[in-house]
PDB file of N, CA and C in Angstrom:
ATOM      1  N   MET A   1       0.788  -1.181   0.011  1.00  0.00           N
ATOM      2  CA  MET A   1      -0.098  -0.027   0.149  1.00  0.00           C
ATOM      3  C   MET A   1       0.955   1.258   0.052  1.00  0.00           C
ATOM      4  N   SER A   2       0.388   2.327  -0.394  1.00  0.00           N
ATOM      5  CA  SER A   2       1.192   3.424  -0.380  1.00  0.00           C
ATOM      6  C   SER A   2       0.275   4.713   0.223  1.00  0.00           C
ATOM      7  N   ILE A   3       0.931   5.811   0.537  1.00  0.00           N
ATOM      8  CA  ILE A   3       0.311   6.851   0.890  1.00  0.00           C
ATOM      9  C   ILE A   3       0.775   8.038  -0.007  1.00  0.00           C
ATOM     10  N   THR A   4      -0.001   8.971  -0.543  1.00  0.00           N
ATOM     11  CA  THR A   4       0.374   9.978  -1.542  1.00  0.00           C
ATOM     12  C   THR A   4       1.270  10.964  -0.713  1.00  0.00           C
ATOM     13  N   LYS A   5       2.057  11.520  -1.502  1.00  0.00           N
ATOM     14  CA  LYS A   5       2.898  12.793  -0.943  1.00  0.00           C
ATOM     15  C   LYS A   5       1.992  13.917  -0.550  1.00  0.00           C
ATOM     16  N   LYS A   6       1.141  14.082  -1.462  1.00  0.00           N
ATOM     17  CA  LYS A   6       0.306  15.270  -1.144  1.00  0.00           C
ATOM     18  C   LYS A   6      -0.389  15.089   0.231  1.00  0.00           C
ATOM     19  N   GLY A   7      -0.302  15.862   1.278  1.00  0.00           N
ATOM     20  CA  GLY A   7      -1.183  15.813   2.375  1.00  0.00           C
ATOM     21  C   GLY A   7      -0.239  14.788   3.458  1.00  0.00           C
ATOM     22  N   SER A   8       0.793  14.296   3.178  1.00  0.00           N
ATOM     23  CA  SER A   8       1.538  13.452   4.109  1.00  0.00           C
ATOM     24  C   SER A   8       2.695  14.140   4.503  1.00  0.00           C
ATOM     25  N   ARG A   9       3.349  13.604   5.663  1.00  0.00           N
ATOM     26  CA  ARG A   9       4.596  14.181   6.149  1.00  0.00           C
ATOM     27  C   ARG A   9       5.727  13.154   6.142  1.00  0.00           C
ATOM     28  N   ARG A  10       6.706  13.789   5.811  1.00  0.00           N
ATOM     29  CA  ARG A  10       8.061  12.825   6.003  1.00  0.00           C
ATOM     30  C   ARG A  10       8.668  12.770   7.340  1.00  0.00           C
ATOM     31  N   ILE A  11       9.205  11.688   7.648  1.00  0.00           N
ATOM     32  CA  ILE A  11       9.774  11.467   8.825  1.00  0.00           C
ATOM     33  C   ILE A  11      10.900  10.365   8.686  1.00  0.00           C
ATOM     34  N   VAL A  12      12.040  10.735   9.430  1.00  0.00           N
ATOM     35  CA  VAL A  12      13.193   9.756   9.334  1.00  0.00           C
ATOM     36  C   VAL A  12      13.362   9.114  10.759  1.00  0.00           C
ATOM     37  N   VAL A  13      13.110   7.872  10.775  1.00  0.00           N
ATOM     38  CA  VAL A  13      13.299   7.156  12.140  1.00  0.00           C
ATOM     39  C   VAL A  13      14.402   6.246  12.010  1.00  0.00           C
ATOM     40  N   ASP A  14      15.496   6.316  12.885  1.00  0.00           N
ATOM     41  CA  ASP A  14      16.566   5.421  12.803  1.00  0.00           C
ATOM     42  C   ASP A  14      17.207   5.274  11.639  1.00  0.00           C
ATOM     43  N   GLY A  15      17.419   6.296  10.626  1.00  0.00           N
ATOM     44  CA  GLY A  15      18.003   6.221   9.350  1.00  0.00           C
ATOM     45  C   GLY A  15      16.983   5.770   8.203  1.00  0.00           C
ATOM     46  N   THR A  16      15.820   5.571   8.401  1.00  0.00           N
ATOM     47  CA  THR A  16      14.886   5.025   7.460  1.00  0.00           C
ATOM     48  C   THR A  16      13.768   6.164   7.169  1.00  0.00           C
ATOM     49  N   VAL A  17      13.511   6.321   6.020  1.00  0.00           N
ATOM     50  CA  VAL A  17      12.419   7.341   5.679  1.00  0.00           C
ATOM     51  C   VAL A  17      10.975   6.682   5.692  1.00  0.00           C
ATOM     52  N   TYR A  18      10.103   7.430   6.193  1.00  0.00           N
ATOM     53  CA  TYR A  18       8.694   7.067   6.166  1.00  0.00           C
ATOM     54  C   TYR A  18       7.823   8.077   5.913  1.00  0.00           C
ATOM     55  N   ARG A  19       6.536   7.950   5.577  1.00  0.00           N
ATOM     56  CA  ARG A  19       5.537   9.034   5.253  1.00  0.00           C
ATOM     57  C   ARG A  19       4.409   8.522   5.937  1.00  0.00           C
ATOM     58  N   TRP A  20       3.987   9.633   6.735  1.00  0.00           N
ATOM     59  CA  TRP A  20       2.750   9.393   7.632  1.00  0.00           C
ATOM     60  C   TRP A  20       1.608  10.405   7.406  1.00  0.00           C
ATOM     61  N   MET A  21       0.482  10.177   7.709  1.00  0.00           N
ATOM     62  CA  MET A  21      -0.761  11.056   7.576  1.00  0.00           C
ATOM     63  C   MET A  21      -1.953  10.649   8.398  1.00  0.00           C
ATOM     64  N   ILE A  22      -2.653  11.753   8.496  1.00  0.00           N
ATOM     65  CA  ILE A  22      -3.906  11.755   9.301  1.00  0.00           C
ATOM     66  C   ILE A  22      -5.112  12.177   8.220  1.00  0.00           C
ATOM     67  N   ARG A  23      -6.176  11.468   8.315  1.00  0.00           N
ATOM     68  CA  ARG A  23      -7.107  11.892   7.361  1.00  0.00           C
ATOM     69  C   ARG A  23      -7.574  13.485   7.581  1.00  0.00           C
ATOM     70  N   CYS A  24      -7.786  14.030   6.590  1.00  0.00           N
ATOM     71  CA  CYS A  24      -8.220  15.650   6.560  1.00  0.00           C
ATOM     72  C   CYS A  24      -9.354  15.794   7.315  1.00  0.00           C
ATOM     73  N   LYS A  25     -10.482  14.968   7.326  1.00  0.00           N
ATOM     74  CA  LYS A  25     -11.656  14.927   7.823  1.00  0.00           C
ATOM     75  C   LYS A  25     -11.806  13.794   8.658  1.00  0.00           C
ATOM     76  N   PRO A  26     -12.621  13.953   9.830  1.00  0.00           N
ATOM     77  CA  PRO A  26     -12.897  12.766  10.519  1.00  0.00           C
ATOM     78  C   PRO A  26     -13.863  11.764   9.815  1.00  0.00           C
ATOM     79  N   SER A  27     -13.745  10.450  10.165  1.00  0.00           N
ATOM     80  CA  SER A  27     -14.645   9.558   9.523  1.00  0.00           C
ATOM     81  C   SER A  27     -15.989   9.680  10.301  1.00  0.00           C
ATOM     82  N   ARG A  28     -16.958   9.063   9.962  1.00  0.00           N
ATOM     83  CA  ARG A  28     -18.347   9.205  10.288  1.00  0.00           C
ATOM     84  C   ARG A  28     -18.152   8.708  12.036  1.00  0.00           C
ATOM     85  N   GLY A  29     -17.763   7.695  12.006  1.00  0.00           N
ATOM     86  CA  GLY A  29     -17.422   7.123  13.387  1.00  0.00           C
ATOM     87  C   GLY A  29     -16.715   8.110  14.383  1.00  0.00           C
ATOM     88  N   GLN A  30     -15.778   8.564  13.680  1.00  0.00           N
ATOM     89  CA  GLN A  30     -14.980   9.562  14.564  1.00  0.00           C
ATOM     90  C   GLN A  30     -15.768  10.877  14.989  1.00  0.00           C
ATOM     91  N   ALA A  31     -16.476  11.373  14.023  1.00  0.00           N
ATOM     92  CA  ALA A  31     -17.237  12.541  14.228  1.00  0.00           C
ATOM     93  C   ALA A  31     -18.439  12.129  15.095  1.00  0.00           C
ATOM     94  N   ASP A  32     -19.315  11.268  14.841  1.00  0.00           N
ATOM     95  CA  ASP A  32     -20.457  11.058  15.551  1.00  0.00           C
ATOM     96  C   ASP A  32     -20.455  10.283  16.830  1.00  0.00           C
ATOM     97  N   TYR A  33     -19.376   9.370  16.920  1.00  0.00           N
ATOM     98  CA  TYR A  33     -19.260   8.628  18.136  1.00  0.00           C
ATOM     99  C   TYR A  33     -18.007   8.810  18.897  1.00  0.00           C
ATOM    100  N   ALA A  34     -17.234   9.791  18.532  1.00  0.00           N
ATOM    101  CA  ALA A  34     -15.878  10.153  19.221  1.00  0.00           C
ATOM    102  C   ALA A  34     -15.147   8.856  19.333  1.00  0.00           C
ATOM    103  N   GLU A  35     -14.928   8.277  18.039  1.00  0.00           N
ATOM    104  CA  GLU A  35     -14.016   7.188  17.954  1.00  0.00           C
ATOM    105  C   GLU A  35     -12.617   7.615  17.971  1.00  0.00           C
ATOM    106  N   PRO A  36     -11.643   6.972  18.264  1.00  0.00           N
ATOM    107  CA  PRO A  36     -10.129   7.409  18.464  1.00  0.00           C
ATOM    108  C   PRO A  36      -9.496   7.948  17.199  1.00  0.00           C
ATOM    109  N   LEU A  37      -8.645   9.002  17.407  1.00  0.00           N
ATOM    110  CA  LEU A  37      -7.984   9.387  16.240  1.00  0.00           C
ATOM    111  C   LEU A  37      -6.827   8.313  15.652  1.00  0.00           C
ATOM    112  N   THR A  38      -6.765   8.181  14.546  1.00  0.00           N
ATOM    113  CA  THR A  38      -5.964   7.150  13.796  1.00  0.00           C
ATOM    114  C   THR A  38      -5.004   7.690  12.794  1.00  0.00           C
ATOM    115  N   PHE A  39      -3.894   7.224  12.606  1.00  0.00           N
ATOM    116  CA  PHE A  39      -2.913   7.697  11.401  1.00  0.00           C
ATOM    117  C   PHE A  39      -2.237   6.486  10.812  1.00  0.00           C
ATOM    118  N   ALA A  40      -1.710   6.718   9.643  1.00  0.00           N
ATOM    119  CA  ALA A  40      -1.076   5.589   8.795  1.00  0.00           C
ATOM    120  C   ALA A  40       0.296   5.963   8.552  1.00  0.00           C
ATOM    121  N   VAL A  41       1.255   5.107   8.622  1.00  0.00           N
ATOM    122  CA  VAL A  41       2.650   5.237   8.145  1.00  0.00           C
ATOM    123  C   VAL A  41       3.117   4.129   7.006  1.00  0.00           C
ATOM    124  N   VAL A  42       3.812   4.555   6.249  1.00  0.00           N
ATOM    125  CA  VAL A  42       4.527   3.586   5.355  1.00  0.00           C
ATOM    126  C   VAL A  42       5.874   4.044   5.017  1.00  0.00           C
ATOM    127  N   GLN A  43       6.794   2.980   4.665  1.00  0.00           N
ATOM    128  CA  GLN A  43       8.108   3.396   4.393  1.00  0.00           C
ATOM    129  C   GLN A  43       8.094   4.002   2.913  1.00  0.00           C
ATOM    130  N   GLU A  44       8.880   5.076   2.889  1.00  0.00           N
ATOM    131  CA  GLU A  44       8.838   5.771   1.681  1.00  0.00           C
ATOM    132  C   GLU A  44       9.495   5.050   0.433  1.00  0.00           C
ATOM    133  N   ASN A  45       8.964   5.185  -0.671  1.00  0.00           N
ATOM    134  CA  ASN A  45       9.305   4.566  -1.961  1.00  0.00           C
ATOM    135  C   ASN A  45       9.435   2.976  -1.850  1.00  0.00           C
ATOM    136  N   ILE A  46       8.689   2.470  -1.068  1.00  0.00           N
ATOM    137  CA  ILE A  46       8.576   0.994  -1.039  1.00  0.00           C
ATOM    138  C   ILE A  46       7.066   0.607  -1.043  1.00  0.00           C
ATOM    139  N   ARG A  47       6.680  -0.139  -1.841  1.00  0.00           N
ATOM    140  CA  ARG A  47       5.354  -0.901  -1.608  1.00  0.00           C
ATOM    141  C   ARG A  47       5.342  -2.139  -0.714  1.00  0.00           C
ATOM    142  N   GLY A  48       5.242  -1.627   0.403  1.00  0.00           N
ATOM    143  CA  GLY A  48       5.317  -2.670   1.501  1.00  0.00           C
ATOM    144  C   GLY A  48       3.994  -2.532   2.391  1.00  0.00           C
ATOM    145  N   SER A  49       4.044  -2.990   3.491  1.00  0.00           N
ATOM    146  CA  SER A  49       2.952  -3.201   4.420  1.00  0.00           C
ATOM    147  C   SER A  49       2.711  -1.809   5.241  1.00  0.00           C
ATOM    148  N   LEU A  50       1.380  -1.426   5.315  1.00  0.00           N
ATOM    149  CA  LEU A  50       1.061  -0.278   5.961  1.00  0.00           C
ATOM    150  C   LEU A  50       0.809  -0.323   7.460  1.00  0.00           C
ATOM    151  N   LEU A  51       1.271   0.707   8.221  1.00  0.00           N
ATOM    152  CA  LEU A  51       1.141   0.658   9.655  1.00  0.00           C
ATOM    153  C   LEU A  51      -0.073   1.570   9.975  1.00  0.00           C
ATOM    154  N   HIS A  52      -1.003   1.027  10.676  1.00  0.00           N
ATOM    155  CA  HIS A  52      -2.208   1.702  10.991  1.00  0.00           C
ATOM    156  C   HIS A  52      -2.476   1.840  12.706  1.00  0.00           C
ATOM    157  N   VAL A  53      -2.112   3.211  13.088  1.00  0.00           N
ATOM    158  CA  VAL A  53      -2.029   3.282  14.527  1.00  0.00           C
ATOM    159  C   VAL A  53      -3.203   3.991  15.051  1.00  0.00           C
ATOM    160  N   LYS A  54      -3.871   3.280  16.167  1.00  0.00           N
ATOM    161  CA  LYS A  54      -5.033   3.891  16.735  1.00  0.00           C
ATOM    162  C   LYS A  54      -4.707   4.587  18.108  1.00  0.00           C
ATOM    163  N   MET A  55      -5.016   5.790  18.108  1.00  0.00           N
ATOM    164  CA  MET A  55      -4.621   6.446  19.299  1.00  0.00           C
ATOM    165  C   MET A  55      -5.640   6.234  20.466  1.00  0.00           C
ATOM    166  N   ASN A  56      -5.148   6.789  21.778  1.00  0.00           N
ATOM    167  CA  ASN A  56      -6.072   6.364  22.848  1.00  0.00           C
ATOM    168  C   ASN A  56      -7.175   7.490  23.239  1.00  0.00           C
ATOM    169  N   ALA A  57      -7.383   8.429  22.388  1.00  0.00           N
ATOM    170  CA  ALA A  57      -8.370   9.375  22.628  1.00  0.00           C
ATOM    171  C   ALA A  57      -8.841   9.980  21.118  1.00  0.00           C
ATOM    172  N   ALA A  58      -9.902  10.852  21.164  1.00  0.00           N
ATOM    173  CA  ALA A  58     -10.531  11.294  20.015  1.00  0.00           C
ATOM    174  C   ALA A  58      -9.836  12.355  19.304  1.00  0.00           C
ATOM    175  N   ARG A  59     -10.259  12.626  17.962  1.00  0.00           N
ATOM    176  CA  ARG A  59      -9.693  13.547  17.208  1.00  0.00           C
ATOM    177  C   ARG A  59      -9.883  14.970  17.826  1.00  0.00           C
ATOM    178  N   TYR A  60      -9.017  15.991  17.564  1.00  0.00           N
ATOM    179  CA  TYR A  60      -9.172  17.144  18.330  1.00  0.00           C
ATOM    180  C   TYR A  60     -10.167  17.968  17.587  1.00  0.00           C
ATOM    181  N   ASP A  61     -10.699  17.697  16.440  1.00  0.00           N
ATOM    182  CA  ASP A  61     -11.677  18.589  15.607  1.00  0.00           C
ATOM    183  C   ASP A  61     -13.216  18.072  15.589  1.00  0.00           C
ATOM    184  N   ILE A  62     -13.587  17.299  16.530  1.00  0.00           N
ATOM    185  CA  ILE A  62     -14.842  17.051  16.700  1.00  0.00           C
ATOM    186  C   ILE A  62     -15.643  17.767  17.844  1.00  0.00           C
ATOM    187  N   MET A  63     -16.976  17.803  17.900  1.00  0.00           N
ATOM    188  CA  MET A  63     -17.787  18.576  18.762  1.00  0.00           C
ATOM    189  C   MET A  63     -17.739  17.977  20.110  1.00  0.00           C
ATOM    190  N   HIS A  64     -17.676  16.733  20.401  1.00  0.00           N
ATOM    191  CA  HIS A  64     -17.911  16.085  21.728  1.00  0.00           C
ATOM    192  C   HIS A  64     -17.013  16.571  22.737  1.00  0.00           C
ATOM    193  N   ASP A  65     -17.549  16.532  23.832  1.00  0.00           N
ATOM    194  CA  ASP A  65     -16.794  17.039  25.106  1.00  0.00           C
ATOM    195  C   ASP A  65     -16.102  15.825  25.530  1.00  0.00           C
ATOM    196  N   VAL A  66     -15.087  15.205  24.860  1.00  0.00           N
ATOM    197  CA  VAL A  66     -14.301  14.073  25.405  1.00  0.00           C
ATOM    198  C   VAL A  66     -12.773  14.474  25.272  1.00  0.00           C
ATOM    199  N   PRO A  67     -11.872  13.783  25.990  1.00  0.00           N
ATOM    200  CA  PRO A  67     -10.565  13.971  25.767  1.00  0.00           C
ATOM    201  C   PRO A  67      -9.926  13.798  24.363  1.00  0.00           C
ATOM    202  N   HIS A  68      -9.178  14.758  23.914  1.00  0.00           N
ATOM    203  CA  HIS A  68      -8.650  14.763  22.575  1.00  0.00           C
ATOM    204  C   HIS A  68      -7.299  14.546  22.575  1.00  0.00           C
ATOM    205  N   SER A  69      -6.722  14.123  21.382  1.00  0.00           N
ATOM    206  CA  SER A  69      -5.252  13.760  21.166  1.00  0.00           C
ATOM    207  C   SER A  69      -4.874  14.399  19.831  1.00  0.00           C
ATOM    208  N   VAL A  70      -3.553  14.802  20.099  1.00  0.00           N
ATOM    209  CA  VAL A  70      -2.874  15.396  18.884  1.00  0.00           C
ATOM    210  C   VAL A  70      -1.606  14.401  18.665  1.00  0.00           C
ATOM    211  N   VAL A  71      -1.171  14.336  17.516  1.00  0.00           N
ATOM    212  CA  VAL A  71      -0.126  13.659  16.915  1.00  0.00           C
ATOM    213  C   VAL A  71       1.139  14.480  16.595  1.00  0.00           C
ATOM    214  N   SER A  72       2.185  14.296  17.161  1.00  0.00           N
ATOM    215  CA  SER A  72       3.561  15.140  16.854  1.00  0.00           C
ATOM    216  C   SER A  72       4.504  14.012  16.159  1.00  0.00           C
ATOM    217  N   PRO A  73       5.348  14.624  15.409  1.00  0.00           N
ATOM    218  CA  PRO A  73       6.448  13.533  14.787  1.00  0.00           C
ATOM    219  C   PRO A  73       7.071  12.865  16.025  1.00  0.00           C
ATOM    220  N   LYS A  74       7.292  13.356  17.244  1.00  0.00           N
ATOM    221  CA  LYS A  74       7.818  12.546  18.220  1.00  0.00           C
ATOM    222  C   LYS A  74       6.817  11.220  18.377  1.00  0.00           C
ATOM    223  N   THR A  75       5.559  11.473  18.576  1.00  0.00           N
ATOM    224  CA  THR A  75       4.582  10.368  18.919  1.00  0.00           C
ATOM    225  C   THR A  75       4.676   9.494  17.482  1.00  0.00           C
ATOM    226  N   VAL A  76       4.666   9.985  16.278  1.00  0.00           N
ATOM    227  CA  VAL A  76       4.930   9.078  15.214  1.00  0.00           C
ATOM    228  C   VAL A  76       6.140   8.149  15.284  1.00  0.00           C
ATOM    229  N   ALA A  77       7.278   8.780  15.544  1.00  0.00           N
ATOM    230  CA  ALA A  77       8.730   8.088  15.514  1.00  0.00           C
ATOM    231  C   ALA A  77       8.419   6.965  16.733  1.00  0.00           C
ATOM    232  N   ALA A  78       7.773   7.301  17.839  1.00  0.00           N
ATOM    233  CA  ALA A  78       7.881   6.220  18.960  1.00  0.00           C
ATOM    234  C   ALA A  78       6.795   5.062  18.464  1.00  0.00           C
ATOM    235  N   ALA A  79       5.665   5.561  17.794  1.00  0.00           N
ATOM    236  CA  ALA A  79       4.867   4.551  17.295  1.00  0.00           C
ATOM    237  C   ALA A  79       5.481   3.582  16.307  1.00  0.00           C
ATOM    238  N   ILE A  80       6.278   4.129  15.342  1.00  0.00           N
ATOM    239  CA  ILE A  80       7.020   3.272  14.381  1.00  0.00           C
ATOM    240  C   ILE A  80       7.967   2.264  15.260  1.00  0.00           C
ATOM    241  N   ARG A  81       8.776   2.765  16.281  1.00  0.00           N
ATOM    242  CA  ARG A  81       9.657   1.933  16.882  1.00  0.00           C
ATOM    243  C   ARG A  81       8.977   0.775  17.616  1.00  0.00           C
ATOM    244  N   LYS A  82       7.616   1.373  18.113  1.00  0.00           N
ATOM    245  CA  LYS A  82       6.783   0.181  18.721  1.00  0.00           C
ATOM    246  C   LYS A  82       6.293  -0.926  17.947  1.00  0.00           C
ATOM    247  N   ALA A  83       5.900  -0.411  16.706  1.00  0.00           N
ATOM    248  CA  ALA A  83       5.487  -1.472  15.685  1.00  0.00           C
ATOM    249  C   ALA A  83       6.562  -2.386  15.262  1.00  0.00           C
ATOM    250  N   LEU A  84       7.695  -1.734  14.926  1.00  0.00           N
ATOM    251  CA  LEU A  84       8.946  -2.592  14.600  1.00  0.00           C
ATOM    252  C   LEU A  84       9.410  -3.610  15.508  1.00  0.00           C
ATOM    253  N   THR A  85       9.240  -3.417  16.906  1.00  0.00           N
ATOM    254  CA  THR A  85       9.486  -4.165  17.933  1.00  0.00           C
ATOM    255  C   THR A  85       8.385  -5.191  18.046  1.00  0.00           C
ATOM    256  N   ALA A  86       7.039  -4.846  17.633  1.00  0.00           N
ATOM    257  CA  ALA A  86       6.017  -5.873  17.680  1.00  0.00           C
ATOM    258  C   ALA A  86       6.098  -6.708  16.509  1.00  0.00           C
ATOM    259  N   GLY A  87       6.844  -6.533  15.531  1.00  0.00           N
ATOM    260  CA  GLY A  87       6.942  -7.440  14.461  1.00  0.00           C
ATOM    261  C   GLY A  87       6.537  -6.702  12.950  1.00  0.00           C
ATOM    262  N   TRP A  88       6.206  -5.514  12.831  1.00  0.00           N
ATOM    263  CA  TRP A  88       5.901  -4.926  11.576  1.00  0.00           C
ATOM    264  C   TRP A  88       7.129  -4.953  10.893  1.00  0.00           C
ATOM    265  N   GLN A  89       6.874  -5.358   9.589  1.00  0.00           N
ATOM    266  CA  GLN A  89       8.031  -5.480   8.392  1.00  0.00           C
ATOM    267  C   GLN A  89       7.623  -4.506   7.273  1.00  0.00           C
ATOM    268  N   PRO A  90       7.980  -3.240   7.292  1.00  0.00           N
ATOM    269  CA  PRO A  90       7.504  -2.110   6.341  1.00  0.00           C
ATOM    270  C   PRO A  90       7.874  -2.641   4.857  1.00  0.00           C
ATOM    271  N   GLY A  91       8.989  -3.157   4.615  1.00  0.00           N
ATOM    272  CA  GLY A  91       9.554  -3.346   3.521  1.00  0.00           C
ATOM    273  C   GLY A  91       8.884  -4.646   2.711  1.00  0.00           C
ATOM    274  N   TYR A  92       8.165  -5.392   3.332  1.00  0.00           N
ATOM    275  CA  TYR A  92       7.450  -6.419   2.639  1.00  0.00           C
ATOM    276  C   TYR A  92       5.984  -6.217   2.551  1.00  0.00           C
ATOM    277  N   GLY A  93       5.372  -6.795   1.531  1.00  0.00           N
ATOM    278  CA  GLY A  93       3.973  -6.685   1.327  1.00  0.00           C
ATOM    279  C   GLY A  93       3.201  -7.406   2.339  1.00  0.00           C
ATOM    280  N   GLY A  94       1.859  -7.393   2.124  1.00  0.00           N
ATOM    281  CA  GLY A  94       1.067  -8.010   3.127  1.00  0.00           C
ATOM    282  C   GLY A  94       0.057  -7.029   3.693  1.00  0.00           C
ATOM    283  N   GLY A  95      -0.696  -7.393   4.712  1.00  0.00           N
ATOM    284  CA  GLY A  95      -1.786  -6.815   4.995  1.00  0.00           C
ATOM    285  C   GLY A  95      -1.347  -5.494   6.054  1.00  0.00           C
ATOM    286  N   THR A  96      -2.394  -5.010   6.411  1.00  0.00           N
ATOM    287  CA  THR A  96      -2.110  -3.661   7.324  1.00  0.00           C
ATOM    288  C   THR A  96      -1.777  -4.204   8.651  1.00  0.00           C
ATOM    289  N   PHE A  97      -0.636  -3.594   9.292  1.00  0.00           N
ATOM    290  CA  PHE A  97      -0.243  -4.028  10.573  1.00  0.00           C
ATOM    291  C   PHE A  97      -0.839  -2.901  11.468  1.00  0.00           C
ATOM    292  N   CYS A  98      -1.681  -3.233  12.462  1.00  0.00           N
ATOM    293  CA  CYS A  98      -2.390  -2.363  13.358  1.00  0.00           C
ATOM    294  C   CYS A  98      -1.781  -2.299  14.946  1.00  0.00           C
ATOM    295  N   ILE A  99      -1.639  -1.330  15.479  1.00  0.00           N
ATOM    296  CA  ILE A  99      -1.204  -1.110  16.856  1.00  0.00           C
ATOM    297  C   ILE A  99      -2.221  -0.218  17.509  1.00  0.00           C
ATOM    298  N   VAL A 100      -2.368  -0.468  18.866  1.00  0.00           N
ATOM    299  CA  VAL A 100      -3.233   0.514  19.622  1.00  0.00           C
ATOM    300  C   VAL A 100      -2.162   1.322  20.513  1.00  0.00           C
ATOM    301  N   TRP A 101      -2.274   2.631  20.318  1.00  0.00           N
ATOM    302  CA  TRP A 101      -1.285   3.376  21.141  1.00  0.00           C
ATOM    303  C   TRP A 101      -1.877   3.864  22.640  1.00  0.00           C
ATOM    304  N   SER A 102      -1.241   3.264  23.685  1.00  0.00           N
ATOM    305  CA  SER A 102      -1.905   3.239  24.956  1.00  0.00           C
ATOM    306  C   SER A 102      -1.103   4.234  25.830  1.00  0.00           C
ATOM    307  N   GLU A 103      -0.086   4.835  25.408  1.00  0.00           N
ATOM    308  CA  GLU A 103       0.609   5.730  26.283  1.00  0.00           C
ATOM    309  C   GLU A 103      -0.368   7.117  26.526  1.00  0.00           C
ATOM    310  N   THR A 104      -0.097   7.713  27.498  1.00  0.00           N
ATOM    311  CA  THR A 104      -0.869   8.897  27.951  1.00  0.00           C
ATOM    312  C   THR A 104      -0.414  10.217  27.099  1.00  0.00           C
ATOM    313  N   LEU A 105      -1.390  10.829  26.528  1.00  0.00           N
ATOM    314  CA  LEU A 105      -1.192  11.993  25.874  1.00  0.00           C
ATOM    315  C   LEU A 105      -1.858  13.231  26.496  1.00  0.00           C
ATOM    316  N   PRO A 106      -1.231  14.471  26.462  1.00  0.00           N
ATOM    317  CA  PRO A 106      -1.858  15.493  26.958  1.00  0.00           C
ATOM    318  C   PRO A 106      -3.176  15.838  26.292  1.00  0.00           C
ATOM    319  N   ASP A 107      -4.092  16.492  27.060  1.00  0.00           N
ATOM    320  CA  ASP A 107      -5.511  16.998  26.471  1.00  0.00           C
ATOM    321  C   ASP A 107      -5.181  18.301  25.947  1.00  0.00           C
ATOM    322  N   ILE A 108      -5.888  18.610  25.035  1.00  0.00           N
ATOM    323  CA  ILE A 108      -5.944  20.165  24.489  1.00  0.00           C
ATOM    324  C   ILE A 108      -7.274  20.699  24.655  1.00  0.00           C
TER     325      ILE A 108
END
């Protein structure tokens, strides 16, 4: 799978280049039911496995009065390292590798 360059951000983790992105608009479940924020990561220029990270709080742009989360490059790098430790192989094809981010994030 791949992520388009438009709308995605580049990040280098331990010498490897990745691209990551968050949906521009919340999905219906995220908007209506305050489902968690998610983001996707792939290794740049390689058609390999996609990493799908589900955060432990809702998106910041929904109307519900629930704890919100933000994603910084530091969070993305930590999630990539966690996924690699858990067995994600970004250079190989296959299905989507999913992890749930359980670390505490500051509310906004």
